[in-house]
Amino acid sequence: SKKKGLSFEEKRARMMEIFFETKDVFQLKDLEKIAPKEKGITSMSVKEILQSLVDDGMVDTDRIGTSNYFWAFPSKALHARKRKLEELESQFAESSQKKEALQKSIEKSKTGREDTAERAALLKELAALRQQKEQLKTEIDKYRECDPDVVEEMRQTNQVAKEAANRWTDNIFSIKSWAKRKFGFEESRIDKGFGIPEDLDYID
């Protein structure tokens, strides 16, 4: 069967073993030779693994002359892992507190909303009252035209419309008279030509 490759974390652990077992200082090129032979880590992934350990404070590094050197001691790694564990535990505690606070908030918001018979009856009554309100509003709108103020407003509007209609009727009669005198047109011809009803008259 095909041999399963190492995971990223397994490679990190094996890289740390090189440092702990030898208690030595290495250059990158040294590790690229040692890691494949002794720990089964491909040389191409050594640099990436090493950098991740440096970033996490597990491996120390320093530049001397033109070369970079790497080393790690068990005591330093232990402290680094302890700090990381404390950090994660702190984050976990903070998340737990937030979760608890949210849970309490949810429970509080549910108070008074339990599915009790009393609540169901109140909701039913509320729905009925809302429906009644809409019906009353419809009734009010229906009878609004009987309101004295509305009636007076309608009367005034009708009066204005009546006066305007009679003014236009008066103008039409004046134009018809002028056309009959000026051109000798018959009244029926004028009515037909301009679409004027024969029974056009003033509104009383």
Protein backbone atom coordinates (compact mmCIF):
# COMPACT_ATOMS: atom_id res chain seq x y z
CA SER A 1 0.00 0.00 0.00
CA LYS A 2 1.02 3.60 -0.63
CA LYS A 3 2.81 5.16 2.33
CA LYS A 4 0.87 8.02 3.91
CA GLY A 5 2.74 11.35 4.04
CA LEU A 6 3.39 13.23 7.27
CA SER A 7 0.98 15.94 8.35
CA PHE A 8 2.22 19.48 8.94
CA GLU A 9 2.05 19.04 12.72
CA GLU A 10 3.91 15.72 12.55
CA LYS A 11 6.68 17.39 10.58
CA ARG A 12 6.90 20.17 13.18
CA ALA A 13 7.14 17.63 16.01
CA ARG A 14 9.88 15.67 14.23
CA MET A 15 11.81 18.85 13.47
CA MET A 16 11.76 19.70 17.17
CA GLU A 17 13.11 16.20 17.93
CA ILE A 18 16.22 17.01 15.89
CA PHE A 19 16.97 20.00 18.13
CA PHE A 20 16.12 18.25 21.41
CA GLU A 21 18.06 15.08 20.66
CA THR A 22 21.22 16.82 19.43
CA LYS A 23 21.06 20.04 21.52
CA ASP A 24 23.03 21.54 18.64
CA VAL A 25 22.91 24.68 16.48
CA PHE A 26 22.14 24.30 12.77
CA GLN A 27 22.02 26.20 9.52
CA LEU A 28 19.13 25.69 7.10
CA LYS A 29 21.30 23.66 4.71
CA ASP A 30 22.24 21.30 7.56
CA LEU A 31 18.63 20.66 8.44
CA GLU A 32 17.71 20.14 4.78
CA LYS A 33 20.18 17.21 4.79
CA ILE A 34 19.40 15.77 8.25
CA ALA A 35 15.58 16.01 8.26
CA PRO A 36 14.93 13.75 5.21
CA LYS A 37 17.36 11.07 6.41
CA GLU A 38 16.53 10.90 10.10
CA LYS A 39 12.92 12.15 10.32
CA GLY A 40 11.38 11.53 6.90
CA ILE A 41 10.74 15.26 6.27
CA THR A 42 11.22 16.22 2.62
CA SER A 43 14.02 18.75 2.12
CA MET A 44 11.66 21.07 0.20
CA SER A 45 9.37 21.48 3.22
CA VAL A 46 12.16 22.04 5.82
CA LYS A 47 12.26 25.84 5.34
CA GLU A 48 8.49 26.23 5.74
CA ILE A 49 8.37 23.99 8.83
CA LEU A 50 11.33 25.78 10.39
CA GLN A 51 9.80 29.21 9.79
CA SER A 52 6.51 28.18 11.42
CA LEU A 53 8.42 27.02 14.52
CA VAL A 54 10.36 30.30 14.63
CA ASP A 55 7.09 32.28 14.29
CA ASP A 56 5.60 30.35 17.24
CA GLY A 57 8.68 30.99 19.38
CA MET A 58 9.57 27.28 19.51
CA VAL A 59 12.89 27.72 17.69
CA ASP A 60 15.37 30.57 18.15
CA THR A 61 17.31 32.07 15.26
CA ASP A 62 20.15 34.57 14.83
CA ARG A 63 22.25 35.89 11.98
CA ILE A 64 26.01 35.56 12.41
CA GLY A 65 27.99 36.99 9.54
CA THR A 66 26.24 35.96 6.35
CA SER A 67 24.56 32.87 7.80
CA ASN A 68 21.40 32.23 9.82
CA TYR A 69 21.62 29.77 12.71
CA PHE A 70 18.77 27.91 14.42
CA TRP A 71 18.53 26.20 17.78
CA ALA A 72 15.99 25.10 20.35
CA PHE A 73 16.27 23.76 23.89
CA PRO A 74 13.63 21.67 25.72
CA SER A 75 13.18 24.23 28.51
CA LYS A 76 12.48 27.07 26.04
CA ALA A 77 10.01 24.95 24.07
CA LEU A 78 8.25 23.92 27.28
CA HIS A 79 7.76 27.56 28.30
CA ALA A 80 6.57 28.50 24.82
CA ARG A 81 4.01 25.68 24.80
CA LYS A 82 2.89 26.62 28.30
CA ARG A 83 2.35 30.24 27.23
CA LYS A 84 0.39 29.08 24.18
CA LEU A 85 -1.74 26.80 26.34
CA GLU A 86 -2.46 29.64 28.78
CA GLU A 87 -3.40 31.90 25.88
CA LEU A 88 -5.78 29.31 24.45
CA GLU A 89 -7.30 28.64 27.87
CA SER A 90 -7.87 32.37 28.33
CA GLN A 91 -9.58 32.60 24.94
CA PHE A 92 -11.70 29.57 25.79
CA ALA A 93 -12.75 31.09 29.12
CA GLU A 94 -13.66 34.37 27.40
CA SER A 95 -15.69 32.52 24.76
CA SER A 96 -17.44 30.50 27.48
CA GLN A 97 -18.40 33.71 29.31
CA LYS A 98 -19.78 35.22 26.12
CA LYS A 99 -21.74 32.06 25.40
CA GLU A 100 -23.17 32.05 28.94
CA ALA A 101 -24.14 35.73 28.67
CA LEU A 102 -25.86 35.11 25.34
CA GLN A 103 -27.68 32.10 26.76
CA LYS A 104 -28.94 34.20 29.69
CA SER A 105 -30.03 36.91 27.27
CA ILE A 106 -31.94 34.37 25.19
CA GLU A 107 -33.63 32.92 28.29
CA LYS A 108 -34.52 36.43 29.48
CA SER A 109 -36.05 37.31 26.12
CA LYS A 110 -38.22 34.20 26.34
CA THR A 111 -39.71 35.33 29.67
CA GLY A 112 -43.35 36.18 29.22
CA ARG A 113 -43.48 34.43 25.86
CA GLU A 114 -44.10 30.93 27.13
CA ASP A 115 -46.80 29.04 25.28
CA THR A 116 -49.36 29.15 28.08
CA ALA A 117 -53.16 29.07 27.73
CA GLU A 118 -53.32 32.63 29.07
CA ARG A 119 -50.86 33.90 26.44
CA ALA A 120 -52.76 32.08 23.68
CA ALA A 121 -56.02 33.71 24.85
CA LEU A 122 -54.41 37.16 24.95
CA LEU A 123 -52.98 36.72 21.45
CA LYS A 124 -56.41 35.66 20.19
CA GLU A 125 -58.00 38.71 21.84
CA LEU A 126 -55.33 40.96 20.33
CA ALA A 127 -55.99 39.56 16.84
CA ALA A 128 -59.74 40.11 17.32
CA LEU A 129 -59.20 43.70 18.46
CA ARG A 130 -56.96 44.40 15.46
CA GLN A 131 -59.65 43.02 13.13
CA GLN A 132 -62.31 45.11 14.88
CA LYS A 133 -60.13 48.20 14.49
CA GLU A 134 -59.88 47.64 10.72
CA GLN A 135 -63.65 47.13 10.46
CA LEU A 136 -64.31 50.35 12.39
CA LYS A 137 -61.87 52.22 10.17
CA THR A 138 -63.74 50.97 7.10
CA GLU A 139 -67.06 52.06 8.64
CA ILE A 140 -65.65 55.51 9.46
CA ASP A 141 -64.42 55.95 5.88
CA LYS A 142 -67.87 54.86 4.59
CA TYR A 143 -69.76 57.38 6.71
CA ARG A 144 -67.21 60.14 6.41
CA GLU A 145 -69.15 61.73 3.58
CA CYS A 146 -71.95 62.37 6.06
CA ASP A 147 -69.62 64.45 8.19
CA PRO A 148 -70.83 68.12 8.23
CA ASP A 149 -67.35 69.40 7.40
CA VAL A 150 -67.04 67.00 4.47
CA VAL A 151 -70.52 67.89 3.22
CA GLU A 152 -69.69 71.61 3.35
CA GLU A 153 -66.41 70.99 1.51
CA MET A 154 -68.26 69.03 -1.20
CA ARG A 155 -70.90 71.81 -1.51
CA GLN A 156 -68.21 74.45 -2.00
CA THR A 157 -66.40 72.29 -4.56
CA ASN A 158 -69.65 71.75 -6.46
CA GLN A 159 -70.37 75.47 -6.45
CA VAL A 160 -66.95 76.29 -7.88
CA ALA A 161 -67.38 73.60 -10.57
CA LYS A 162 -70.88 74.91 -11.42
CA GLU A 163 -69.66 78.49 -11.80
CA ALA A 164 -66.77 77.37 -13.99
CA ALA A 165 -69.08 75.27 -16.21
CA ASN A 166 -71.49 78.20 -16.66
CA ARG A 167 -68.60 80.52 -17.57
CA TRP A 168 -67.50 78.11 -20.33
CA THR A 169 -71.11 77.76 -21.50
CA ASP A 170 -71.40 81.56 -21.67
CA ASN A 171 -68.15 81.75 -23.67
CA ILE A 172 -69.40 79.10 -26.12
CA PHE A 173 -72.69 81.00 -26.68
CA SER A 174 -70.75 84.23 -27.25
CA ILE A 175 -68.46 82.59 -29.83
CA LYS A 176 -71.46 81.00 -31.60
CA SER A 177 -73.18 84.40 -31.84
CA TRP A 178 -70.03 86.03 -33.17
CA ALA A 179 -69.54 83.27 -35.80
CA LYS A 180 -73.18 83.57 -36.97
CA ARG A 181 -72.84 87.34 -37.38
CA LYS A 182 -69.36 87.28 -38.92
CA PHE A 183 -69.69 84.36 -41.35
CA GLY A 184 -73.43 83.76 -41.55
CA PHE A 185 -73.09 80.19 -40.33
CA GLU A 186 -76.16 78.31 -39.19
CA GLU A 187 -76.20 77.37 -35.53
CA SER A 188 -76.59 73.63 -36.27
CA ARG A 189 -73.54 73.74 -38.56
CA ILE A 190 -71.45 75.39 -35.83
CA ASP A 191 -72.61 72.79 -33.26
CA LYS A 192 -71.77 69.93 -35.60
CA GLY A 193 -68.37 71.37 -36.63
CA PHE A 194 -67.19 71.89 -33.05
CA GLY A 195 -68.96 68.96 -31.40
CA ILE A 196 -71.25 71.16 -29.31
CA PRO A 197 -74.31 69.32 -27.91
CA GLU A 198 -77.66 70.74 -29.17
CA ASP A 199 -79.03 70.78 -25.62
CA LEU A 200 -76.08 72.75 -24.18
CA ASP A 201 -77.41 75.10 -21.47
CA TYR A 202 -76.51 76.76 -18.20
CA ILE A 203 -76.52 74.69 -14.97
CA ASP A 204 -79.03 75.82 -12.33
